[in-house]
Amino acid sequence: MRTKNVVPRLRSKKRLFKRVKGSVGGRRRLLRTAKESLVRAGVFARRDRRRKKRDFRRLWIVRINAAVRARGMRYSQFIAGLEKISSALDRRTLAEMAVVDPTGFDAVVESVRKALGLPEPAAVA
């Protein structure tokens, strides 16, 4: 007697349709289209997991740059000074400090300024 592989196939289809739940139209109802959309979604997901790291690093750099410029220094000078004082703070932490703890960030900027031998910024009236 010939076996028909019915139960495993149905189980497989059920798993696949559960994964495409939330899609619209044929992407949710048709087997071939659902498979294609899952493959494509997986490609986008993999790409964007890597992209997210780049995007956040860019955001942190923009935030640090804005905070440092408000204190009369350039981003490149600031990073060079951090390396000179061999600080363990990374860009993520620095960006968070700039937003949440401005006084702590001021202290870091001052220590970098002293290490580089830069003069105090002119007071803004």
PDB file of N, CA and C in Angstrom:
ATOM      1  N   MET A   1       0.833  -1.182   0.000  1.00  0.00           N
ATOM      2  CA  MET A   1       0.000   0.000   0.000  1.00  0.00           C
ATOM      3  C   MET A   1       0.883   1.253   0.000  1.00  0.00           C
ATOM      4  N   ARG A   2       0.474   2.221  -0.752  1.00  0.00           N
ATOM      5  CA  ARG A   2       1.258   3.441  -0.903  1.00  0.00           C
ATOM      6  C   ARG A   2       0.989   4.394   0.262  1.00  0.00           C
ATOM      7  N   THR A   3       2.092   4.955   0.841  1.00  0.00           N
ATOM      8  CA  THR A   3       1.906   5.947   1.908  1.00  0.00           C
ATOM      9  C   THR A   3       1.815   7.334   1.277  1.00  0.00           C
ATOM     10  N   LYS A   4       1.071   8.204   1.904  1.00  0.00           N
ATOM     11  CA  LYS A   4       0.785   9.487   1.259  1.00  0.00           C
ATOM     12  C   LYS A   4       1.401  10.700   1.949  1.00  0.00           C
ATOM     13  N   ASN A   5       2.080  10.547   3.094  1.00  0.00           N
ATOM     14  CA  ASN A   5       2.783  11.658   3.729  1.00  0.00           C
ATOM     15  C   ASN A   5       1.837  12.813   4.072  1.00  0.00           C
ATOM     16  N   VAL A   6       0.588  12.490   4.380  1.00  0.00           N
ATOM     17  CA  VAL A   6      -0.414  13.541   4.563  1.00  0.00           C
ATOM     18  C   VAL A   6      -0.187  14.318   5.856  1.00  0.00           C
ATOM     19  N   VAL A   7      -0.026  13.627   6.963  1.00  0.00           N
ATOM     20  CA  VAL A   7       0.083  14.309   8.253  1.00  0.00           C
ATOM     21  C   VAL A   7       1.316  15.204   8.305  1.00  0.00           C
ATOM     22  N   PRO A   8       2.511  14.715   7.914  1.00  0.00           N
ATOM     23  CA  PRO A   8       3.674  15.619   7.938  1.00  0.00           C
ATOM     24  C   PRO A   8       3.512  16.823   7.019  1.00  0.00           C
ATOM     25  N   ARG A   9       2.910  16.622   5.866  1.00  0.00           N
ATOM     26  CA  ARG A   9       2.725  17.740   4.939  1.00  0.00           C
ATOM     27  C   ARG A   9       1.787  18.783   5.538  1.00  0.00           C
ATOM     28  N   LEU A  10       0.674  18.311   6.124  1.00  0.00           N
ATOM     29  CA  LEU A  10      -0.266  19.245   6.745  1.00  0.00           C
ATOM     30  C   LEU A  10       0.386  19.995   7.904  1.00  0.00           C
ATOM     31  N   ARG A  11       1.197  19.274   8.685  1.00  0.00           N
ATOM     32  CA  ARG A  11       1.875  19.905   9.809  1.00  0.00           C
ATOM     33  C   ARG A  11       2.842  20.974   9.308  1.00  0.00           C
ATOM     34  N   SER A  12       3.539  20.660   8.232  1.00  0.00           N
ATOM     35  CA  SER A  12       4.489  21.606   7.643  1.00  0.00           C
ATOM     36  C   SER A  12       3.774  22.850   7.128  1.00  0.00           C
ATOM     37  N   LYS A  13       2.652  22.623   6.426  1.00  0.00           N
ATOM     38  CA  LYS A  13       1.883  23.764   5.916  1.00  0.00           C
ATOM     39  C   LYS A  13       1.337  24.609   7.055  1.00  0.00           C
ATOM     40  N   LYS A  14       0.903  23.948   8.110  1.00  0.00           N
ATOM     41  CA  LYS A  14       0.345  24.674   9.251  1.00  0.00           C
ATOM     42  C   LYS A  14       1.416  25.561   9.890  1.00  0.00           C
ATOM     43  N   ARG A  15       2.633  25.007  10.028  1.00  0.00           N
ATOM     44  CA  ARG A  15       3.747  25.795  10.572  1.00  0.00           C
ATOM     45  C   ARG A  15       4.045  26.993   9.690  1.00  0.00           C
ATOM     46  N   LEU A  16       4.067  26.780   8.376  1.00  0.00           N
ATOM     47  CA  LEU A  16       4.364  27.854   7.436  1.00  0.00           C
ATOM     48  C   LEU A  16       3.292  28.936   7.493  1.00  0.00           C
ATOM     49  N   PHE A  17       2.036  28.540   7.485  1.00  0.00           N
ATOM     50  CA  PHE A  17       0.955  29.533   7.512  1.00  0.00           C
ATOM     51  C   PHE A  17       0.916  30.278   8.847  1.00  0.00           C
ATOM     52  N   LYS A  18       1.357  29.616   9.910  1.00  0.00           N
ATOM     53  CA  LYS A  18       1.422  30.308  11.193  1.00  0.00           C
ATOM     54  C   LYS A  18       2.484  31.406  11.139  1.00  0.00           C
ATOM     55  N   ARG A  19       3.574  31.156  10.424  1.00  0.00           N
ATOM     56  CA  ARG A  19       4.646  32.153  10.320  1.00  0.00           C
ATOM     57  C   ARG A  19       4.267  33.340   9.444  1.00  0.00           C
ATOM     58  N   VAL A  20       3.375  33.144   8.460  1.00  0.00           N
ATOM     59  CA  VAL A  20       2.984  34.264   7.594  1.00  0.00           C
ATOM     60  C   VAL A  20       1.712  34.942   8.077  1.00  0.00           C
ATOM     61  N   LYS A  21       1.276  34.578   9.277  1.00  0.00           N
ATOM     62  CA  LYS A  21       0.091  35.209   9.840  1.00  0.00           C
ATOM     63  C   LYS A  21       0.344  36.715   9.953  1.00  0.00           C
ATOM     64  N   GLY A  22      -0.621  37.497   9.554  1.00  0.00           N
ATOM     65  CA  GLY A  22      -0.445  38.941   9.567  1.00  0.00           C
ATOM     66  C   GLY A  22      -0.190  39.499   8.190  1.00  0.00           C
ATOM     67  N   SER A  23       0.128  38.630   7.229  1.00  0.00           N
ATOM     68  CA  SER A  23       0.280  39.070   5.849  1.00  0.00           C
ATOM     69  C   SER A  23      -1.095  39.278   5.247  1.00  0.00           C
ATOM     70  N   VAL A  24      -1.133  39.869   4.046  1.00  0.00           N
ATOM     71  CA  VAL A  24      -2.406  40.220   3.418  1.00  0.00           C
ATOM     72  C   VAL A  24      -2.592  39.409   2.146  1.00  0.00           C
ATOM     73  N   GLY A  25      -3.797  38.972   1.902  1.00  0.00           N
ATOM     74  CA  GLY A  25      -4.161  38.334   0.639  1.00  0.00           C
ATOM     75  C   GLY A  25      -3.499  36.992   0.436  1.00  0.00           C
ATOM     76  N   GLY A  26      -2.992  36.792  -0.788  1.00  0.00           N
ATOM     77  CA  GLY A  26      -2.408  35.514  -1.156  1.00  0.00           C
ATOM     78  C   GLY A  26      -1.155  35.174  -0.379  1.00  0.00           C
ATOM     79  N   ARG A  27      -0.480  36.180   0.124  1.00  0.00           N
ATOM     80  CA  ARG A  27       0.713  35.911   0.924  1.00  0.00           C
ATOM     81  C   ARG A  27       0.371  35.129   2.187  1.00  0.00           C
ATOM     82  N   ARG A  28      -0.882  35.209   2.597  1.00  0.00           N
ATOM     83  CA  ARG A  28      -1.313  34.480   3.783  1.00  0.00           C
ATOM     84  C   ARG A  28      -2.028  33.183   3.423  1.00  0.00           C
ATOM     85  N   ARG A  29      -2.636  33.114   2.224  1.00  0.00           N
ATOM     86  CA  ARG A  29      -3.514  31.983   1.911  1.00  0.00           C
ATOM     87  C   ARG A  29      -2.929  30.971   0.931  1.00  0.00           C
ATOM     88  N   LEU A  30      -2.020  31.401   0.052  1.00  0.00           N
ATOM     89  CA  LEU A  30      -1.499  30.517  -0.985  1.00  0.00           C
ATOM     90  C   LEU A  30      -0.127  29.990  -0.590  1.00  0.00           C
ATOM     91  N   LEU A  31       0.064  28.681  -0.751  1.00  0.00           N
ATOM     92  CA  LEU A  31       1.271  28.030  -0.256  1.00  0.00           C
ATOM     93  C   LEU A  31       2.537  28.592  -0.907  1.00  0.00           C
ATOM     94  N   ARG A  32       2.567  28.635  -2.230  1.00  0.00           N
ATOM     95  CA  ARG A  32       3.780  29.053  -2.929  1.00  0.00           C
ATOM     96  C   ARG A  32       4.113  30.514  -2.622  1.00  0.00           C
ATOM     97  N   THR A  33       3.097  31.366  -2.657  1.00  0.00           N
ATOM     98  CA  THR A  33       3.306  32.782  -2.385  1.00  0.00           C
ATOM     99  C   THR A  33       3.759  32.991  -0.947  1.00  0.00           C
ATOM    100  N   ALA A  34       3.179  32.222  -0.035  1.00  0.00           N
ATOM    101  CA  ALA A  34       3.563  32.332   1.372  1.00  0.00           C
ATOM    102  C   ALA A  34       5.026  31.938   1.562  1.00  0.00           C
ATOM    103  N   LYS A  35       5.454  30.865   0.888  1.00  0.00           N
ATOM    104  CA  LYS A  35       6.853  30.434   0.977  1.00  0.00           C
ATOM    105  C   LYS A  35       7.780  31.522   0.453  1.00  0.00           C
ATOM    106  N   GLU A  36       7.428  32.102  -0.695  1.00  0.00           N
ATOM    107  CA  GLU A  36       8.263  33.151  -1.294  1.00  0.00           C
ATOM    108  C   GLU A  36       8.367  34.358  -0.378  1.00  0.00           C
ATOM    109  N   SER A  37       7.232  34.768   0.205  1.00  0.00           N
ATOM    110  CA  SER A  37       7.264  35.945   1.057  1.00  0.00           C
ATOM    111  C   SER A  37       8.059  35.678   2.333  1.00  0.00           C
ATOM    112  N   LEU A  38       8.034  34.438   2.824  1.00  0.00           N
ATOM    113  CA  LEU A  38       8.828  34.092   4.004  1.00  0.00           C
ATOM    114  C   LEU A  38      10.318  34.165   3.709  1.00  0.00           C
ATOM    115  N   VAL A  39      10.712  33.669   2.542  1.00  0.00           N
ATOM    116  CA  VAL A  39      12.123  33.719   2.166  1.00  0.00           C
ATOM    117  C   VAL A  39      12.577  35.165   2.063  1.00  0.00           C
ATOM    118  N   ARG A  40      11.758  35.973   1.415  1.00  0.00           N
ATOM    119  CA  ARG A  40      12.092  37.388   1.239  1.00  0.00           C
ATOM    120  C   ARG A  40      12.147  38.108   2.590  1.00  0.00           C
ATOM    121  N   ALA A  41      11.195  37.801   3.463  1.00  0.00           N
ATOM    122  CA  ALA A  41      11.188  38.410   4.793  1.00  0.00           C
ATOM    123  C   ALA A  41      12.441  38.020   5.571  1.00  0.00           C
ATOM    124  N   GLY A  42      12.864  36.768   5.406  1.00  0.00           N
ATOM    125  CA  GLY A  42      14.079  36.319   6.085  1.00  0.00           C
ATOM    126  C   GLY A  42      15.309  37.065   5.606  1.00  0.00           C
ATOM    127  N   VAL A  43      15.373  37.345   4.310  1.00  0.00           N
ATOM    128  CA  VAL A  43      16.505  38.090   3.752  1.00  0.00           C
ATOM    129  C   VAL A  43      16.531  39.506   4.331  1.00  0.00           C
ATOM    130  N   PHE A  44      15.365  40.149   4.362  1.00  0.00           N
ATOM    131  CA  PHE A  44      15.300  41.500   4.919  1.00  0.00           C
ATOM    132  C   PHE A  44      15.671  41.489   6.404  1.00  0.00           C
ATOM    133  N   ALA A  45      15.185  40.487   7.139  1.00  0.00           N
ATOM    134  CA  ALA A  45      15.453  40.413   8.574  1.00  0.00           C
ATOM    135  C   ALA A  45      16.945  40.268   8.829  1.00  0.00           C
ATOM    136  N   ARG A  46      17.616  39.416   8.049  1.00  0.00           N
ATOM    137  CA  ARG A  46      19.050  39.206   8.235  1.00  0.00           C
ATOM    138  C   ARG A  46      19.818  40.485   7.919  1.00  0.00           C
ATOM    139  N   ARG A  47      19.450  41.121   6.814  1.00  0.00           N
ATOM    140  CA  ARG A  47      20.125  42.365   6.410  1.00  0.00           C
ATOM    141  C   ARG A  47      19.961  43.437   7.483  1.00  0.00           C
ATOM    142  N   ASP A  48      18.745  43.554   7.991  1.00  0.00           N
ATOM    143  CA  ASP A  48      18.464  44.647   8.918  1.00  0.00           C
ATOM    144  C   ASP A  48      19.002  44.389  10.323  1.00  0.00           C
ATOM    145  N   ARG A  49      19.225  43.125  10.681  1.00  0.00           N
ATOM    146  CA  ARG A  49      19.889  42.871  11.960  1.00  0.00           C
ATOM    147  C   ARG A  49      21.299  43.440  11.941  1.00  0.00           C
ATOM    148  N   ARG A  50      21.956  43.343  10.809  1.00  0.00           N
ATOM    149  CA  ARG A  50      23.296  43.913  10.677  1.00  0.00           C
ATOM    150  C   ARG A  50      23.239  45.422  10.515  1.00  0.00           C
ATOM    151  N   ARG A  51      22.226  45.891   9.804  1.00  0.00           N
ATOM    152  CA  ARG A  51      22.076  47.321   9.540  1.00  0.00           C
ATOM    153  C   ARG A  51      21.793  48.103  10.822  1.00  0.00           C
ATOM    154  N   LYS A  52      21.044  47.467  11.744  1.00  0.00           N
ATOM    155  CA  LYS A  52      20.664  48.133  12.983  1.00  0.00           C
ATOM    156  C   LYS A  52      21.892  48.583  13.773  1.00  0.00           C
ATOM    157  N   LYS A  53      22.932  47.772  13.771  1.00  0.00           N
ATOM    158  CA  LYS A  53      24.151  48.099  14.507  1.00  0.00           C
ATOM    159  C   LYS A  53      24.785  49.360  13.929  1.00  0.00           C
ATOM    160  N   ARG A  54      24.829  49.440  12.591  1.00  0.00           N
ATOM    161  CA  ARG A  54      25.389  50.634  11.934  1.00  0.00           C
ATOM    162  C   ARG A  54      24.556  51.863  12.236  1.00  0.00           C
ATOM    163  N   ASP A  55      23.235  51.717  12.159  1.00  0.00           N
ATOM    164  CA  ASP A  55      22.345  52.857  12.359  1.00  0.00           C
ATOM    165  C   ASP A  55      22.462  53.420  13.769  1.00  0.00           C
ATOM    166  N   PHE A  56      22.547  52.539  14.760  1.00  0.00           N
ATOM    167  CA  PHE A  56      22.667  53.024  16.125  1.00  0.00           C
ATOM    168  C   PHE A  56      24.005  53.719  16.348  1.00  0.00           C
ATOM    169  N   ARG A  57      25.066  53.166  15.774  1.00  0.00           N
ATOM    170  CA  ARG A  57      26.374  53.815  15.929  1.00  0.00           C
ATOM    171  C   ARG A  57      26.334  55.217  15.338  1.00  0.00           C
ATOM    172  N   ARG A  58      25.703  55.386  14.171  1.00  0.00           N
ATOM    173  CA  ARG A  58      25.577  56.713  13.564  1.00  0.00           C
ATOM    174  C   ARG A  58      24.789  57.659  14.457  1.00  0.00           C
ATOM    175  N   LEU A  59      23.712  57.161  15.056  1.00  0.00           N
ATOM    176  CA  LEU A  59      22.904  57.980  15.953  1.00  0.00           C
ATOM    177  C   LEU A  59      23.718  58.437  17.159  1.00  0.00           C
ATOM    178  N   TRP A  60      24.484  57.505  17.755  1.00  0.00           N
ATOM    179  CA  TRP A  60      25.299  57.867  18.906  1.00  0.00           C
ATOM    180  C   TRP A  60      26.321  58.930  18.546  1.00  0.00           C
ATOM    181  N   ILE A  61      26.935  58.801  17.375  1.00  0.00           N
ATOM    182  CA  ILE A  61      27.942  59.773  16.948  1.00  0.00           C
ATOM    183  C   ILE A  61      27.313  61.140  16.757  1.00  0.00           C
ATOM    184  N   VAL A  62      26.125  61.188  16.168  1.00  0.00           N
ATOM    185  CA  VAL A  62      25.435  62.468  15.969  1.00  0.00           C
ATOM    186  C   VAL A  62      25.130  63.116  17.322  1.00  0.00           C
ATOM    187  N   ARG A  63      24.654  62.333  18.275  1.00  0.00           N
ATOM    188  CA  ARG A  63      24.325  62.874  19.591  1.00  0.00           C
ATOM    189  C   ARG A  63      25.562  63.381  20.321  1.00  0.00           C
ATOM    190  N   ILE A  64      26.640  62.605  20.268  1.00  0.00           N
ATOM    191  CA  ILE A  64      27.875  63.028  20.930  1.00  0.00           C
ATOM    192  C   ILE A  64      28.401  64.298  20.277  1.00  0.00           C
ATOM    193  N   ASN A  65      28.374  64.343  18.959  1.00  0.00           N
ATOM    194  CA  ASN A  65      28.863  65.513  18.221  1.00  0.00           C
ATOM    195  C   ASN A  65      28.091  66.762  18.636  1.00  0.00           C
ATOM    196  N   ALA A  66      26.767  66.665  18.708  1.00  0.00           N
ATOM    197  CA  ALA A  66      25.950  67.822  19.093  1.00  0.00           C
ATOM    198  C   ALA A  66      26.284  68.274  20.512  1.00  0.00           C
ATOM    199  N   ALA A  67      26.427  67.313  21.423  1.00  0.00           N
ATOM    200  CA  ALA A  67      26.701  67.657  22.820  1.00  0.00           C
ATOM    201  C   ALA A  67      28.088  68.271  22.975  1.00  0.00           C
ATOM    202  N   VAL A  68      29.057  67.741  22.242  1.00  0.00           N
ATOM    203  CA  VAL A  68      30.427  68.231  22.354  1.00  0.00           C
ATOM    204  C   VAL A  68      30.551  69.622  21.727  1.00  0.00           C
ATOM    205  N   ARG A  69      29.902  69.841  20.607  1.00  0.00           N
ATOM    206  CA  ARG A  69      29.950  71.158  19.965  1.00  0.00           C
ATOM    207  C   ARG A  69      29.308  72.222  20.844  1.00  0.00           C
ATOM    208  N   ALA A  70      28.278  71.842  21.588  1.00  0.00           N
ATOM    209  CA  ALA A  70      27.651  72.792  22.509  1.00  0.00           C
ATOM    210  C   ALA A  70      28.617  73.192  23.621  1.00  0.00           C
ATOM    211  N   ARG A  71      29.635  72.378  23.834  1.00  0.00           N
ATOM    212  CA  ARG A  71      30.632  72.665  24.865  1.00  0.00           C
ATOM    213  C   ARG A  71      31.939  73.181  24.275  1.00  0.00           C
ATOM    214  N   GLY A  72      31.896  73.584  22.995  1.00  0.00           N
ATOM    215  CA  GLY A  72      33.036  74.248  22.372  1.00  0.00           C
ATOM    216  C   GLY A  72      34.165  73.349  21.913  1.00  0.00           C
ATOM    217  N   MET A  73      33.846  72.153  21.458  1.00  0.00           N
ATOM    218  CA  MET A  73      34.871  71.231  20.983  1.00  0.00           C
ATOM    219  C   MET A  73      34.328  70.492  19.769  1.00  0.00           C
ATOM    220  N   ARG A  74      35.229  69.908  18.978  1.00  0.00           N
ATOM    221  CA  ARG A  74      34.798  69.123  17.831  1.00  0.00           C
ATOM    222  C   ARG A  74      34.784  67.639  18.196  1.00  0.00           C
ATOM    223  N   TYR A  75      33.973  66.866  17.471  1.00  0.00           N
ATOM    224  CA  TYR A  75      33.840  65.428  17.748  1.00  0.00           C
ATOM    225  C   TYR A  75      35.184  64.722  17.599  1.00  0.00           C
ATOM    226  N   SER A  76      35.913  65.047  16.536  1.00  0.00           N
ATOM    227  CA  SER A  76      37.187  64.363  16.294  1.00  0.00           C
ATOM    228  C   SER A  76      38.187  64.660  17.409  1.00  0.00           C
ATOM    229  N   GLN A  77      38.206  65.907  17.880  1.00  0.00           N
ATOM    230  CA  GLN A  77      39.079  66.261  19.005  1.00  0.00           C
ATOM    231  C   GLN A  77      38.677  65.472  20.252  1.00  0.00           C
ATOM    232  N   PHE A  78      37.388  65.387  20.477  1.00  0.00           N
ATOM    233  CA  PHE A  78      36.878  64.705  21.663  1.00  0.00           C
ATOM    234  C   PHE A  78      37.285  63.234  21.664  1.00  0.00           C
ATOM    235  N   ILE A  79      37.097  62.560  20.538  1.00  0.00           N
ATOM    236  CA  ILE A  79      37.438  61.132  20.451  1.00  0.00           C
ATOM    237  C   ILE A  79      38.943  60.939  20.600  1.00  0.00           C
ATOM    238  N   ALA A  80      39.736  61.819  19.980  1.00  0.00           N
ATOM    239  CA  ALA A  80      41.192  61.732  20.121  1.00  0.00           C
ATOM    240  C   ALA A  80      41.595  61.907  21.582  1.00  0.00           C
ATOM    241  N   GLY A  81      40.937  62.851  22.275  1.00  0.00           N
ATOM    242  CA  GLY A  81      41.223  63.062  23.688  1.00  0.00           C
ATOM    243  C   GLY A  81      40.835  61.874  24.540  1.00  0.00           C
ATOM    244  N   LEU A  82      39.726  61.242  24.203  1.00  0.00           N
ATOM    245  CA  LEU A  82      39.304  60.044  24.947  1.00  0.00           C
ATOM    246  C   LEU A  82      40.347  58.938  24.818  1.00  0.00           C
ATOM    247  N   GLU A  83      40.884  58.783  23.612  1.00  0.00           N
ATOM    248  CA  GLU A  83      41.914  57.765  23.421  1.00  0.00           C
ATOM    249  C   GLU A  83      43.178  58.134  24.186  1.00  0.00           C
ATOM    250  N   LYS A  84      43.473  59.431  24.262  1.00  0.00           N
ATOM    251  CA  LYS A  84      44.667  59.889  24.960  1.00  0.00           C
ATOM    252  C   LYS A  84      44.577  59.610  26.456  1.00  0.00           C
ATOM    253  N   ILE A  85      43.387  59.810  27.041  1.00  0.00           N
ATOM    254  CA  ILE A  85      43.235  59.519  28.468  1.00  0.00           C
ATOM    255  C   ILE A  85      42.854  58.059  28.710  1.00  0.00           C
ATOM    256  N   SER A  86      42.820  57.285  27.645  1.00  0.00           N
ATOM    257  CA  SER A  86      42.478  55.854  27.669  1.00  0.00           C
ATOM    258  C   SER A  86      41.203  55.594  28.470  1.00  0.00           C
ATOM    259  N   SER A  87      40.137  56.248  28.041  1.00  0.00           N
ATOM    260  CA  SER A  87      38.841  56.096  28.677  1.00  0.00           C
ATOM    261  C   SER A  87      38.174  54.808  28.198  1.00  0.00           C
ATOM    262  N   ALA A  88      37.458  54.171  29.097  1.00  0.00           N
ATOM    263  CA  ALA A  88      36.770  52.921  28.757  1.00  0.00           C
ATOM    264  C   ALA A  88      35.348  53.164  28.277  1.00  0.00           C
ATOM    265  N   LEU A  89      34.948  54.441  28.183  1.00  0.00           N
ATOM    266  CA  LEU A  89      33.582  54.752  27.758  1.00  0.00           C
ATOM    267  C   LEU A  89      33.441  54.563  26.256  1.00  0.00           C
ATOM    268  N   ASP A  90      32.378  53.868  25.859  1.00  0.00           N
ATOM    269  CA  ASP A  90      32.115  53.697  24.434  1.00  0.00           C
ATOM    270  C   ASP A  90      31.109  54.740  23.960  1.00  0.00           C
ATOM    271  N   ARG A  91      30.848  54.761  22.671  1.00  0.00           N
ATOM    272  CA  ARG A  91      29.977  55.786  22.095  1.00  0.00           C
ATOM    273  C   ARG A  91      28.547  55.668  22.617  1.00  0.00           C
ATOM    274  N   ARG A  92      28.110  54.448  22.833  1.00  0.00           N
ATOM    275  CA  ARG A  92      26.750  54.240  23.346  1.00  0.00           C
ATOM    276  C   ARG A  92      26.593  54.889  24.722  1.00  0.00           C
ATOM    277  N   THR A  93      27.551  54.633  25.597  1.00  0.00           N
ATOM    278  CA  THR A  93      27.508  55.187  26.941  1.00  0.00           C
ATOM    279  C   THR A  93      27.617  56.705  26.912  1.00  0.00           C
ATOM    280  N   LEU A  94      28.515  57.218  26.071  1.00  0.00           N
ATOM    281  CA  LEU A  94      28.700  58.665  25.983  1.00  0.00           C
ATOM    282  C   LEU A  94      27.434  59.353  25.495  1.00  0.00           C
ATOM    283  N   ALA A  95      26.775  58.768  24.488  1.00  0.00           N
ATOM    284  CA  ALA A  95      25.544  59.355  23.965  1.00  0.00           C
ATOM    285  C   ALA A  95      24.458  59.351  25.028  1.00  0.00           C
ATOM    286  N   GLU A  96      24.373  58.278  25.799  1.00  0.00           N
ATOM    287  CA  GLU A  96      23.388  58.198  26.872  1.00  0.00           C
ATOM    288  C   GLU A  96      23.691  59.238  27.951  1.00  0.00           C
ATOM    289  N   MET A  97      24.973  59.387  28.286  1.00  0.00           N
ATOM    290  CA  MET A  97      25.369  60.398  29.271  1.00  0.00           C
ATOM    291  C   MET A  97      25.011  61.795  28.802  1.00  0.00           C
ATOM    292  N   ALA A  98      25.247  62.076  27.527  1.00  0.00           N
ATOM    293  CA  ALA A  98      24.982  63.409  26.982  1.00  0.00           C
ATOM    294  C   ALA A  98      23.507  63.769  27.120  1.00  0.00           C
ATOM    295  N   VAL A  99      22.630  62.780  26.997  1.00  0.00           N
ATOM    296  CA  VAL A  99      21.193  63.039  27.070  1.00  0.00           C
ATOM    297  C   VAL A  99      20.694  63.021  28.518  1.00  0.00           C
ATOM    298  N   VAL A 100      21.088  61.998  29.276  1.00  0.00           N
ATOM    299  CA  VAL A 100      20.514  61.772  30.601  1.00  0.00           C
ATOM    300  C   VAL A 100      21.288  62.492  31.712  1.00  0.00           C
ATOM    301  N   ASP A 101      22.621  62.511  31.607  1.00  0.00           N
ATOM    302  CA  ASP A 101      23.465  63.038  32.687  1.00  0.00           C
ATOM    303  C   ASP A 101      24.419  64.102  32.146  1.00  0.00           C
ATOM    304  N   PRO A 102      23.938  65.317  31.873  1.00  0.00           N
ATOM    305  CA  PRO A 102      24.798  66.356  31.293  1.00  0.00           C
ATOM    306  C   PRO A 102      25.963  66.760  32.186  1.00  0.00           C
ATOM    307  N   THR A 103      25.788  66.731  33.508  1.00  0.00           N
ATOM    308  CA  THR A 103      26.892  67.128  34.394  1.00  0.00           C
ATOM    309  C   THR A 103      28.027  66.109  34.325  1.00  0.00           C
ATOM    310  N   GLY A 104      27.684  64.838  34.265  1.00  0.00           N
ATOM    311  CA  GLY A 104      28.705  63.805  34.108  1.00  0.00           C
ATOM    312  C   GLY A 104      29.424  63.930  32.778  1.00  0.00           C
ATOM    313  N   PHE A 105      28.662  64.259  31.737  1.00  0.00           N
ATOM    314  CA  PHE A 105      29.259  64.447  30.418  1.00  0.00           C
ATOM    315  C   PHE A 105      30.182  65.663  30.428  1.00  0.00           C
ATOM    316  N   ASP A 106      29.780  66.731  31.144  1.00  0.00           N
ATOM    317  CA  ASP A 106      30.637  67.910  31.281  1.00  0.00           C
ATOM    318  C   ASP A 106      31.978  67.532  31.901  1.00  0.00           C
ATOM    319  N   ALA A 107      31.947  66.667  32.913  1.00  0.00           N
ATOM    320  CA  ALA A 107      33.178  66.232  33.575  1.00  0.00           C
ATOM    321  C   ALA A 107      34.081  65.483  32.599  1.00  0.00           C
ATOM    322  N   VAL A 108      33.486  64.633  31.764  1.00  0.00           N
ATOM    323  CA  VAL A 108      34.278  63.900  30.766  1.00  0.00           C
ATOM    324  C   VAL A 108      34.891  64.867  29.765  1.00  0.00           C
ATOM    325  N   VAL A 109      34.103  65.843  29.314  1.00  0.00           N
ATOM    326  CA  VAL A 109      34.604  66.827  28.349  1.00  0.00           C
ATOM    327  C   VAL A 109      35.754  67.632  28.964  1.00  0.00           C
ATOM    328  N   GLU A 110      35.623  67.998  30.227  1.00  0.00           N
ATOM    329  CA  GLU A 110      36.684  68.763  30.895  1.00  0.00           C
ATOM    330  C   GLU A 110      37.970  67.956  31.008  1.00  0.00           C
ATOM    331  N   SER A 111      37.846  66.672  31.351  1.00  0.00           N
ATOM    332  CA  SER A 111      39.052  65.840  31.457  1.00  0.00           C
ATOM    333  C   SER A 111      39.723  65.678  30.095  1.00  0.00           C
ATOM    334  N   VAL A 112      38.916  65.576  29.035  1.00  0.00           N
ATOM    335  CA  VAL A 112      39.478  65.486  27.679  1.00  0.00           C
ATOM    336  C   VAL A 112      40.145  66.806  27.310  1.00  0.00           C
ATOM    337  N   ARG A 113      39.496  67.921  27.679  1.00  0.00           N
ATOM    338  CA  ARG A 113      40.049  69.245  27.372  1.00  0.00           C
ATOM    339  C   ARG A 113      41.408  69.433  28.050  1.00  0.00           C
ATOM    340  N   LYS A 114      41.527  69.002  29.314  1.00  0.00           N
ATOM    341  CA  LYS A 114      42.796  69.113  30.036  1.00  0.00           C
ATOM    342  C   LYS A 114      43.862  68.229  29.405  1.00  0.00           C
ATOM    343  N   ALA A 115      43.473  67.016  28.985  1.00  0.00           N
ATOM    344  CA  ALA A 115      44.428  66.095  28.386  1.00  0.00           C
ATOM    345  C   ALA A 115      44.972  66.635  27.072  1.00  0.00           C
ATOM    346  N   LEU A 116      44.134  67.338  26.327  1.00  0.00           N
ATOM    347  CA  LEU A 116      44.567  67.899  25.040  1.00  0.00           C
ATOM    348  C   LEU A 116      45.213  69.271  25.200  1.00  0.00           C
ATOM    349  N   GLY A 117      45.054  69.886  26.351  1.00  0.00           N
ATOM    350  CA  GLY A 117      45.622  71.215  26.575  1.00  0.00           C
ATOM    351  C   GLY A 117      44.846  72.300  25.846  1.00  0.00           C
ATOM    352  N   LEU A 118      43.553  72.129  25.688  1.00  0.00           N
ATOM    353  CA  LEU A 118      42.711  73.123  25.011  1.00  0.00           C
ATOM    354  C   LEU A 118      42.253  74.181  26.015  1.00  0.00           C
ATOM    355  N   PRO A 119      42.105  75.416  25.558  1.00  0.00           N
ATOM    356  CA  PRO A 119      41.626  76.470  26.454  1.00  0.00           C
ATOM    357  C   PRO A 119      40.136  76.304  26.747  1.00  0.00           C
ATOM    358  N   GLU A 120      39.671  76.956  27.789  1.00  0.00           N
ATOM    359  CA  GLU A 120      38.253  76.959  28.137  1.00  0.00           C
ATOM    360  C   GLU A 120      37.467  77.661  27.030  1.00  0.00           C
ATOM    361  N   PRO A 121      36.247  77.199  26.740  1.00  0.00           N
ATOM    362  CA  PRO A 121      35.458  77.883  25.709  1.00  0.00           C
ATOM    363  C   PRO A 121      35.001  79.240  26.207  1.00  0.00           C
ATOM    364  N   ALA A 122      34.834  80.183  25.270  1.00  0.00           N
ATOM    365  CA  ALA A 122      34.358  81.509  25.630  1.00  0.00           C
ATOM    366  C   ALA A 122      32.920  81.412  26.108  1.00  0.00           C
ATOM    367  N   ALA A 123      32.587  82.164  27.146  1.00  0.00           N
ATOM    368  CA  ALA A 123      31.234  82.130  27.698  1.00  0.00           C
ATOM    369  C   ALA A 123      30.253  82.744  26.696  1.00  0.00           C
ATOM    370  N   VAL A 124      29.129  82.037  26.477  1.00  0.00           N
ATOM    371  CA  VAL A 124      28.118  82.504  25.536  1.00  0.00           C
ATOM    372  C   VAL A 124      27.111  83.328  26.325  1.00  0.00           C
ATOM    373  N   ALA A 125      26.896  84.592  25.888  1.00  0.00           N
ATOM    374  CA  ALA A 125      25.983  85.479  26.621  1.00  0.00           C
ATOM    375  C   ALA A 125      24.569  85.311  26.139  1.00  0.00           C
TER     376      ALA A 125
END
